Amino acid sequence: MPRKANVIAITVGQNIQFRRKKRKLTQEALAEMVGIGQQSLSRMEKGRIAPRIERLQDFAVALGCMAVDFLQETSVEDDEPMSALRAAMKPLSGEHRQKL
């Protein structure tokens, strides 16, 4: 079973890659935007290494999201409006969620 740190690195990497592709950015372009090498970004997207916590903010600015978004598991079908709706509904009770 993978260590928790590895699972986090994989989740972050998948989210970075998903958002990068959604914005039609190459690895080279995104790497330049955040001030790292393309090979480092490739290793991050594959979950081999995790970005430093400070670097998550750089990715968030470049990709138009919040740093915390990289830590949440998402599916390829997931999109930003649905993510925002889920986040807004999260504090509601089950009954209130069902009504909405």
Foldseek 3Di string as FASTA:
>chain_A
DDDPLLVQLQLLLCQLVLLCVVVPHDLCRLCVQLVHHSVVNVCSNNSVDPDDLVSLCSSCVVSVHHSVSSRDHDDSPDDDVVVVVCVVCVVPDPVVVVVD
